[in-house]
N, C-alpha and C. Protein backbone atom coordinates (compact mmCIF):
# COMPACT_ATOMS: atom_id res chain seq x y z
N ALA A 1 -133.05 92.09 -98.00
CA ALA A 1 -131.49 92.62 -98.05
C ALA A 1 -131.21 93.87 -97.46
N THR A 2 -130.13 94.21 -97.14
CA THR A 2 -129.88 95.41 -96.57
C THR A 2 -129.65 96.49 -97.86
N CYS A 3 -130.33 97.63 -97.57
CA CYS A 3 -129.89 98.69 -98.59
C CYS A 3 -128.79 99.46 -98.53
N LEU A 4 -128.24 99.72 -99.62
CA LEU A 4 -126.83 100.59 -99.34
C LEU A 4 -127.14 101.96 -99.34
N ALA A 5 -126.21 102.70 -98.70
CA ALA A 5 -126.47 104.17 -98.68
C ALA A 5 -125.91 104.74 -100.07
N GLN A 6 -126.36 105.80 -100.55
CA GLN A 6 -126.13 106.37 -101.84
C GLN A 6 -124.63 106.32 -102.35
N ASP A 7 -123.67 106.67 -101.24
CA ASP A 7 -122.37 106.73 -101.57
C ASP A 7 -121.77 105.35 -101.83
N ASP A 8 -122.33 104.43 -100.91
CA ASP A 8 -121.69 102.99 -101.03
C ASP A 8 -122.34 102.53 -102.31
N TYR A 9 -123.53 102.69 -102.72
CA TYR A 9 -124.00 102.27 -103.85
C TYR A 9 -123.17 102.59 -105.21
N ALA A 10 -122.68 103.89 -105.03
CA ALA A 10 -121.96 104.43 -106.25
C ALA A 10 -120.60 103.71 -106.22
N ARG A 11 -119.99 103.41 -105.06
CA ARG A 11 -118.96 102.75 -105.03
C ARG A 11 -118.82 101.30 -105.49
N VAL A 12 -119.95 100.59 -104.95
CA VAL A 12 -120.12 99.29 -105.31
C VAL A 12 -120.33 99.10 -106.84
N GLN A 13 -121.14 99.98 -107.48
CA GLN A 13 -121.30 99.99 -109.05
C GLN A 13 -120.04 100.06 -109.79
N ALA A 14 -118.73 100.48 -109.09
CA ALA A 14 -117.50 100.65 -109.76
C ALA A 14 -116.54 99.55 -109.50
N VAL A 15 -117.23 98.59 -108.84
CA VAL A 15 -116.10 97.38 -108.67
C VAL A 15 -116.61 96.21 -109.53
N PRO A 16 -115.71 95.56 -110.23
CA PRO A 16 -116.08 94.36 -111.01
C PRO A 16 -116.07 93.27 -110.25
N GLU A 17 -116.49 92.08 -110.76
CA GLU A 17 -116.61 90.76 -110.00
C GLU A 17 -115.19 90.47 -109.67
N GLY A 18 -115.11 90.19 -108.42
CA GLY A 18 -113.83 89.87 -107.84
C GLY A 18 -112.85 90.98 -107.40
N GLY A 19 -113.27 92.23 -107.81
CA GLY A 19 -112.52 93.38 -107.59
C GLY A 19 -112.85 93.93 -105.99
N ASN A 20 -112.26 95.15 -105.88
CA ASN A 20 -112.36 95.80 -104.53
C ASN A 20 -112.05 97.34 -104.67
N TRP A 21 -111.86 97.97 -103.56
CA TRP A 21 -111.68 99.36 -103.67
C TRP A 21 -110.46 99.76 -104.42
N GLN A 22 -109.68 99.07 -104.80
CA GLN A 22 -108.36 99.41 -105.56
C GLN A 22 -108.76 99.57 -106.98
N ASP A 23 -109.98 98.81 -107.43
CA ASP A 23 -110.39 99.03 -108.71
C ASP A 23 -111.11 100.37 -108.91
N ILE A 24 -111.76 100.91 -107.73
CA ILE A 24 -112.26 102.07 -107.81
C ILE A 24 -111.12 103.39 -107.85
N GLN A 25 -110.05 103.00 -107.07
CA GLN A 25 -108.92 104.02 -107.10
C GLN A 25 -108.36 104.00 -108.55
N SER A 26 -108.27 102.86 -109.16
CA SER A 26 -107.60 102.85 -110.59
C SER A 26 -108.65 103.54 -111.48
N GLN A 27 -109.92 103.66 -111.39
CA GLN A 27 -110.79 104.46 -112.14
C GLN A 27 -110.79 105.72 -111.83
N VAL A 28 -110.46 106.33 -110.47
CA VAL A 28 -110.48 107.69 -110.05
C VAL A 28 -109.15 108.24 -110.77
N ASP A 29 -107.96 107.44 -110.74
CA ASP A 29 -106.73 107.77 -111.21
C ASP A 29 -106.80 107.88 -112.66
N ALA A 30 -107.69 107.07 -113.46
CA ALA A 30 -107.53 107.24 -114.74
C ALA A 30 -108.48 108.30 -115.34
N GLY A 31 -109.38 109.14 -114.52
CA GLY A 31 -110.22 109.92 -114.79
C GLY A 31 -111.56 109.57 -115.14
N LYS A 32 -111.92 108.09 -114.99
CA LYS A 32 -113.01 107.37 -115.23
C LYS A 32 -114.12 107.69 -114.34
N LEU A 33 -113.65 108.01 -113.21
CA LEU A 33 -114.58 108.24 -112.04
C LEU A 33 -114.13 109.70 -111.27
N PRO A 34 -114.96 110.39 -110.78
CA PRO A 34 -114.79 111.58 -110.09
C PRO A 34 -113.92 111.36 -108.87
N THR A 35 -113.22 112.25 -108.26
CA THR A 35 -112.64 112.15 -107.11
C THR A 35 -113.58 112.17 -105.92
N TRP A 36 -114.56 113.00 -106.17
CA TRP A 36 -115.57 113.21 -105.09
C TRP A 36 -116.89 112.67 -105.38
N LEU A 37 -117.59 112.26 -104.58
CA LEU A 37 -118.96 111.81 -104.68
C LEU A 37 -120.02 112.88 -104.63
N PRO A 38 -121.22 112.88 -105.15
CA PRO A 38 -122.01 114.04 -104.95
C PRO A 38 -122.29 114.44 -103.55
N SER A 39 -122.00 113.64 -102.55
CA SER A 39 -122.20 114.04 -101.11
C SER A 39 -121.00 114.89 -100.71
N GLY A 40 -119.94 114.92 -101.42
CA GLY A 40 -118.79 115.74 -100.76
C GLY A 40 -117.86 114.82 -100.35
N LYS A 41 -118.07 113.36 -100.14
CA LYS A 41 -117.09 112.63 -99.59
C LYS A 41 -116.16 111.97 -100.76
N PRO A 42 -115.09 111.51 -100.47
CA PRO A 42 -114.14 111.08 -101.50
C PRO A 42 -114.73 109.85 -101.95
N PHE A 43 -114.50 109.41 -103.21
CA PHE A 43 -114.89 108.07 -103.82
C PHE A 43 -114.22 107.01 -103.12
N VAL A 44 -112.72 107.24 -102.82
CA VAL A 44 -111.90 106.36 -102.16
C VAL A 44 -111.70 106.91 -100.87
N SER A 45 -112.09 106.44 -99.74
CA SER A 45 -111.87 107.04 -98.57
C SER A 45 -110.63 106.53 -97.79
N ASP A 46 -109.96 107.22 -96.91
CA ASP A 46 -108.59 106.84 -96.18
C ASP A 46 -108.84 105.48 -95.63
N TYR A 47 -110.01 105.07 -94.94
CA TYR A 47 -110.07 103.86 -94.31
C TYR A 47 -110.04 102.73 -95.28
N MET A 48 -110.45 102.85 -96.48
CA MET A 48 -110.20 101.99 -97.52
C MET A 48 -108.78 101.51 -97.77
N LYS A 49 -107.76 102.61 -97.67
CA LYS A 49 -106.51 102.32 -97.96
C LYS A 49 -105.83 101.86 -96.72
N ALA A 50 -106.12 102.27 -95.58
CA ALA A 50 -105.57 101.60 -94.34
C ALA A 50 -106.42 100.91 -93.48
N ASN A 51 -107.14 99.91 -93.96
CA ASN A 51 -107.95 98.98 -93.27
C ASN A 51 -107.46 98.67 -91.95
N LYS A 52 -108.01 98.73 -90.94
CA LYS A 52 -107.50 98.66 -89.54
C LYS A 52 -107.16 97.11 -89.45
N LYS A 53 -107.87 96.12 -90.00
CA LYS A 53 -107.53 94.78 -89.74
C LYS A 53 -106.34 94.14 -90.52
N GLY A 54 -105.73 95.06 -91.35
CA GLY A 54 -104.68 94.66 -92.26
C GLY A 54 -105.23 93.82 -93.47
N ASN A 55 -106.40 93.64 -93.73
CA ASN A 55 -106.87 93.02 -94.92
C ASN A 55 -107.13 94.15 -95.96
N ALA A 56 -106.13 94.67 -96.52
CA ALA A 56 -106.26 95.76 -97.61
C ALA A 56 -107.08 95.54 -98.72
N ASP A 57 -107.38 94.19 -99.08
CA ASP A 57 -108.16 93.87 -100.12
C ASP A 57 -109.53 93.73 -99.91
N LEU A 58 -109.99 93.73 -98.66
CA LEU A 58 -111.48 93.55 -98.28
C LEU A 58 -112.38 94.64 -98.35
N PRO A 59 -111.99 95.98 -98.12
CA PRO A 59 -113.10 96.91 -98.32
C PRO A 59 -113.61 96.94 -99.75
N PHE A 60 -114.93 96.95 -99.89
CA PHE A 60 -115.59 96.84 -101.13
C PHE A 60 -115.25 95.80 -101.99
N LYS A 61 -115.11 94.49 -101.43
CA LYS A 61 -114.62 93.46 -102.13
C LYS A 61 -115.94 92.75 -102.59
N ARG A 62 -115.84 92.57 -104.01
CA ARG A 62 -116.99 91.94 -104.68
C ARG A 62 -116.52 90.41 -104.87
N LEU A 63 -117.51 89.56 -104.47
CA LEU A 63 -117.22 88.19 -104.83
C LEU A 63 -117.11 87.67 -106.04
N ARG A 64 -116.65 86.51 -106.34
CA ARG A 64 -116.69 85.83 -107.81
C ARG A 64 -117.63 84.61 -107.51
N PHE A 65 -118.28 84.34 -108.59
CA PHE A 65 -119.02 83.03 -108.54
C PHE A 65 -118.27 81.85 -108.46
N ALA A 66 -116.97 81.83 -109.05
CA ALA A 66 -116.17 80.73 -109.10
C ALA A 66 -115.27 80.51 -107.98
N GLU A 67 -115.42 81.39 -106.85
CA GLU A 67 -114.64 81.23 -105.67
C GLU A 67 -115.66 81.37 -104.40
N GLY A 68 -115.11 80.68 -103.49
CA GLY A 68 -115.74 80.77 -102.05
C GLY A 68 -115.53 82.11 -101.39
N MET A 69 -116.14 82.11 -100.23
CA MET A 69 -116.15 83.48 -99.32
C MET A 69 -115.33 83.05 -98.39
N ARG A 70 -114.28 84.19 -97.94
CA ARG A 70 -113.39 83.84 -96.76
C ARG A 70 -113.99 83.26 -95.50
N THR A 71 -115.08 84.18 -95.35
CA THR A 71 -115.84 83.91 -93.99
C THR A 71 -117.21 84.70 -94.01
N VAL A 72 -118.26 84.22 -93.62
CA VAL A 72 -119.20 84.78 -93.65
C VAL A 72 -119.47 85.58 -92.52
N ILE A 73 -119.79 86.89 -92.49
CA ILE A 73 -119.78 87.80 -91.40
C ILE A 73 -121.12 88.15 -90.84
N CYS A 74 -121.27 88.76 -89.75
CA CYS A 74 -122.62 89.01 -88.95
C CYS A 74 -123.20 90.32 -89.34
N ARG A 75 -122.50 90.98 -90.32
CA ARG A 75 -123.05 92.36 -90.94
C ARG A 75 -122.75 92.38 -92.45
N ALA A 76 -123.80 92.80 -93.34
CA ALA A 76 -123.66 92.79 -94.77
C ALA A 76 -123.14 94.30 -95.03
N VAL A 77 -121.90 94.66 -94.64
CA VAL A 77 -121.27 95.98 -94.98
C VAL A 77 -120.17 95.75 -95.86
N PRO A 78 -120.06 96.53 -96.87
CA PRO A 78 -118.92 96.59 -97.95
C PRO A 78 -117.70 97.23 -97.51
N HIS A 79 -117.70 97.96 -96.26
CA HIS A 79 -116.59 98.76 -95.78
C HIS A 79 -115.36 98.13 -95.56
N THR A 80 -115.59 96.95 -94.89
CA THR A 80 -114.39 96.21 -94.22
C THR A 80 -114.37 94.76 -94.61
N GLN A 81 -115.41 94.32 -95.20
CA GLN A 81 -115.51 92.70 -95.77
C GLN A 81 -115.81 92.61 -96.98
N GLN A 82 -115.74 91.27 -97.47
CA GLN A 82 -116.27 90.95 -98.79
C GLN A 82 -117.81 90.54 -98.63
N SER A 83 -118.58 91.41 -99.14
CA SER A 83 -120.10 90.91 -98.86
C SER A 83 -121.04 91.76 -99.99
N ILE A 84 -120.26 91.78 -101.11
CA ILE A 84 -120.89 92.44 -102.18
C ILE A 84 -121.24 91.24 -103.37
N HIS A 85 -122.43 91.06 -103.76
CA HIS A 85 -122.81 90.20 -104.70
C HIS A 85 -121.96 90.08 -105.96
N PRO A 86 -121.68 89.01 -106.55
CA PRO A 86 -120.76 88.92 -107.63
C PRO A 86 -121.18 89.87 -108.84
N THR A 87 -122.37 90.00 -109.08
CA THR A 87 -122.71 90.83 -110.32
C THR A 87 -123.87 91.88 -110.01
N ASP A 88 -124.62 91.56 -108.89
CA ASP A 88 -125.56 92.56 -108.59
C ASP A 88 -124.98 93.82 -107.79
N ASP A 89 -125.40 94.89 -107.95
CA ASP A 89 -124.77 96.12 -107.22
C ASP A 89 -125.54 96.12 -105.81
N ARG A 90 -125.20 95.08 -104.86
CA ARG A 90 -125.76 95.13 -103.54
C ARG A 90 -124.97 94.04 -102.65
N VAL A 91 -125.26 94.13 -101.39
CA VAL A 91 -124.68 93.06 -100.49
C VAL A 91 -125.36 91.83 -100.59
N LEU A 92 -124.71 90.77 -99.95
CA LEU A 92 -125.49 89.52 -100.13
C LEU A 92 -126.76 89.49 -99.22
N SER A 93 -127.55 88.85 -99.47
CA SER A 93 -128.76 88.67 -98.54
C SER A 93 -128.56 87.64 -97.62
N VAL A 94 -129.19 87.55 -96.41
CA VAL A 94 -129.17 86.58 -95.18
C VAL A 94 -129.28 85.14 -96.04
N ARG A 95 -130.15 84.92 -96.87
CA ARG A 95 -130.55 83.69 -97.51
C ARG A 95 -129.35 83.29 -98.43
N GLU A 96 -128.54 84.21 -99.10
CA GLU A 96 -127.38 83.90 -99.91
C GLU A 96 -126.17 83.37 -98.89
N MET A 97 -126.24 84.19 -97.84
CA MET A 97 -125.11 83.74 -96.70
C MET A 97 -125.34 82.50 -96.21
N MET A 98 -126.53 82.17 -95.99
CA MET A 98 -126.80 80.84 -95.49
C MET A 98 -126.72 79.69 -96.45
N ALA A 99 -127.11 80.09 -97.70
CA ALA A 99 -126.85 79.11 -98.94
C ALA A 99 -125.30 78.73 -98.97
N ILE A 100 -124.44 79.85 -98.83
CA ILE A 100 -122.94 79.70 -99.01
C ILE A 100 -122.50 78.71 -98.20
N GLN A 101 -123.18 78.51 -96.88
CA GLN A 101 -122.56 77.61 -95.91
C GLN A 101 -123.25 76.26 -95.89
N GLY A 102 -124.16 76.18 -96.82
CA GLY A 102 -124.77 74.84 -96.96
C GLY A 102 -126.00 74.47 -96.23
N PHE A 103 -126.69 75.46 -95.88
CA PHE A 103 -128.18 75.38 -95.28
C PHE A 103 -129.03 75.25 -96.32
N PRO A 104 -130.01 74.41 -96.05
CA PRO A 104 -131.08 73.93 -97.08
C PRO A 104 -131.88 75.29 -97.40
N SER A 105 -132.40 75.36 -98.56
CA SER A 105 -133.15 76.61 -98.96
C SER A 105 -134.37 76.90 -98.16
N ASP A 106 -134.89 75.95 -97.56
CA ASP A 106 -136.12 76.06 -96.61
C ASP A 106 -135.77 76.36 -95.19
N TYR A 107 -134.48 76.45 -94.98
CA TYR A 107 -134.22 76.65 -93.51
C TYR A 107 -134.57 78.03 -93.22
N VAL A 108 -135.48 78.32 -91.99
CA VAL A 108 -135.94 79.52 -91.48
C VAL A 108 -135.03 80.24 -90.48
N VAL A 109 -134.86 81.58 -90.74
CA VAL A 109 -134.10 82.37 -89.79
C VAL A 109 -134.96 83.46 -89.42
N ARG A 110 -135.12 83.69 -88.12
CA ARG A 110 -136.10 84.53 -87.49
C ARG A 110 -135.41 85.91 -86.96
N GLY A 111 -136.21 86.84 -86.75
CA GLY A 111 -135.79 87.92 -85.99
C GLY A 111 -135.58 89.14 -86.93
N SER A 112 -135.13 90.34 -86.48
CA SER A 112 -134.86 91.36 -87.24
C SER A 112 -133.73 91.21 -88.32
N ILE A 113 -133.68 91.99 -89.30
CA ILE A 113 -132.66 91.61 -90.40
C ILE A 113 -131.08 91.60 -89.71
N ASP A 114 -130.84 92.58 -88.69
CA ASP A 114 -129.59 92.65 -88.18
C ASP A 114 -129.36 91.32 -87.54
N LEU A 115 -130.44 90.75 -86.81
CA LEU A 115 -130.39 89.53 -85.97
C LEU A 115 -130.26 88.32 -86.88
N GLN A 116 -130.86 88.36 -88.02
CA GLN A 116 -130.47 87.33 -89.05
C GLN A 116 -129.19 87.33 -89.62
N TYR A 117 -128.62 88.43 -89.84
CA TYR A 117 -127.25 88.50 -90.40
C TYR A 117 -126.34 87.86 -89.21
N LYS A 118 -126.60 88.20 -87.95
CA LYS A 118 -125.76 87.76 -86.82
C LYS A 118 -125.77 86.33 -86.89
N GLN A 119 -127.07 85.57 -87.02
CA GLN A 119 -127.11 84.35 -86.92
C GLN A 119 -126.43 83.66 -88.14
N ALA A 120 -126.40 84.25 -89.23
CA ALA A 120 -125.76 83.73 -90.37
C ALA A 120 -124.23 83.83 -90.17
N GLY A 121 -123.71 84.83 -89.67
CA GLY A 121 -122.28 84.97 -89.32
C GLY A 121 -121.85 84.12 -88.30
N ASN A 122 -122.76 83.78 -87.34
CA ASN A 122 -122.13 83.13 -85.99
C ASN A 122 -122.57 81.64 -86.15
N CYS A 123 -123.17 81.06 -87.06
CA CYS A 123 -123.71 79.82 -87.16
C CYS A 123 -122.43 78.72 -87.45
N VAL A 124 -122.57 77.54 -87.03
CA VAL A 124 -121.89 76.30 -87.47
C VAL A 124 -122.47 75.95 -88.85
N PRO A 125 -121.67 75.82 -90.11
CA PRO A 125 -122.38 75.44 -91.14
C PRO A 125 -122.86 73.86 -91.18
N PRO A 126 -123.72 73.42 -91.74
CA PRO A 126 -124.30 72.17 -91.59
C PRO A 126 -123.30 71.16 -91.93
N PRO A 127 -122.55 71.34 -93.14
CA PRO A 127 -121.62 70.35 -93.43
C PRO A 127 -120.33 70.13 -92.48
N LEU A 128 -120.17 71.20 -91.89
CA LEU A 128 -119.08 71.00 -90.94
C LEU A 128 -119.64 70.56 -89.49
N ALA A 129 -120.80 70.69 -89.28
CA ALA A 129 -121.43 70.09 -88.12
C ALA A 129 -121.57 68.62 -88.38
N ALA A 130 -122.11 68.13 -89.57
CA ALA A 130 -122.13 66.74 -90.01
C ALA A 130 -120.78 66.08 -89.75
N ALA A 131 -119.73 66.72 -90.30
CA ALA A 131 -118.43 66.06 -90.26
C ALA A 131 -117.85 65.94 -88.92
N LEU A 132 -118.03 66.90 -88.01
CA LEU A 132 -117.74 66.84 -86.57
C LEU A 132 -118.54 65.72 -85.92
N GLY A 133 -119.77 65.62 -86.32
CA GLY A 133 -120.68 64.57 -85.62
C GLY A 133 -120.13 63.05 -86.05
N VAL A 134 -119.81 63.04 -87.33
CA VAL A 134 -119.25 61.82 -87.86
C VAL A 134 -117.72 61.37 -87.04
N ALA A 135 -117.01 62.43 -87.01
CA ALA A 135 -115.69 62.19 -86.44
C ALA A 135 -115.83 61.90 -84.74
N LEU A 136 -116.77 62.46 -84.13
CA LEU A 136 -116.94 62.36 -82.77
C LEU A 136 -117.71 60.87 -82.52
N ARG A 137 -118.62 60.58 -83.48
CA ARG A 137 -119.09 59.14 -83.39
C ARG A 137 -117.95 58.14 -83.46
N LYS A 138 -117.03 58.26 -84.55
CA LYS A 138 -116.01 57.33 -84.74
C LYS A 138 -115.19 57.23 -83.48
N ALA A 139 -114.78 58.55 -82.97
CA ALA A 139 -113.93 58.57 -81.69
C ALA A 139 -114.48 57.81 -80.33
N ALA A 140 -115.88 58.10 -80.20
CA ALA A 140 -116.59 57.34 -79.06
C ALA A 140 -116.59 55.87 -79.36
N ARG A 141 -116.65 55.41 -80.64
CA ARG A 141 -116.70 54.01 -80.83
C ARG A 141 -115.18 53.46 -80.48
N ARG A 142 -114.25 54.09 -81.02
CA ARG A 142 -112.77 53.71 -80.63
C ARG A 142 -112.58 53.68 -79.29
N ALA A 143 -113.05 54.81 -78.62
CA ALA A 143 -112.89 54.87 -77.13
C ALA A 143 -113.68 53.64 -76.22
N SER A 144 -114.68 53.23 -76.85
CA SER A 144 -115.50 52.23 -75.89
C SER A 144 -115.12 50.70 -76.23
N GLN A 145 -114.35 50.63 -77.22
CA GLN A 145 -114.02 49.23 -77.65
C GLN A 145 -112.89 48.67 -76.67
N PRO A 146 -113.01 47.70 -76.25
CA PRO A 146 -112.02 47.01 -75.10
C PRO A 146 -110.50 46.96 -75.77
N ARG A 147 -109.51 47.06 -75.06
CA ARG A 147 -108.17 47.30 -75.48
C ARG A 147 -107.42 45.93 -75.17
């Protein structure tokens, strides 16, 4: 799995299951967390508040076991997407991202860790591929029947 930088690890630790950067902000506002990290960076950065993609709830979004994942992404970064494990203070592993999409546990992904995350984010999930195959087979049968 990808290791988090020290600042990101401190932020991840402050997010409850299903939470996000807004939970960090609430803790800073309540005095439960310092405004600044030991590195000198703010606990809540401006980019969290003004996410470029307009998904203000996604920075440092921690998953819930009882819910799905909006989308599997090509990088396990907590800054802009939901990629934090529901209870462990880390991002999801490639294996976990593949499992979320329905790949069998013995499916092999090769290459560097960055390439493996890209494969996980760009793949067609097996259940979707199977459903498409069934639909195409039915359509082909209908098209080949005499009218």
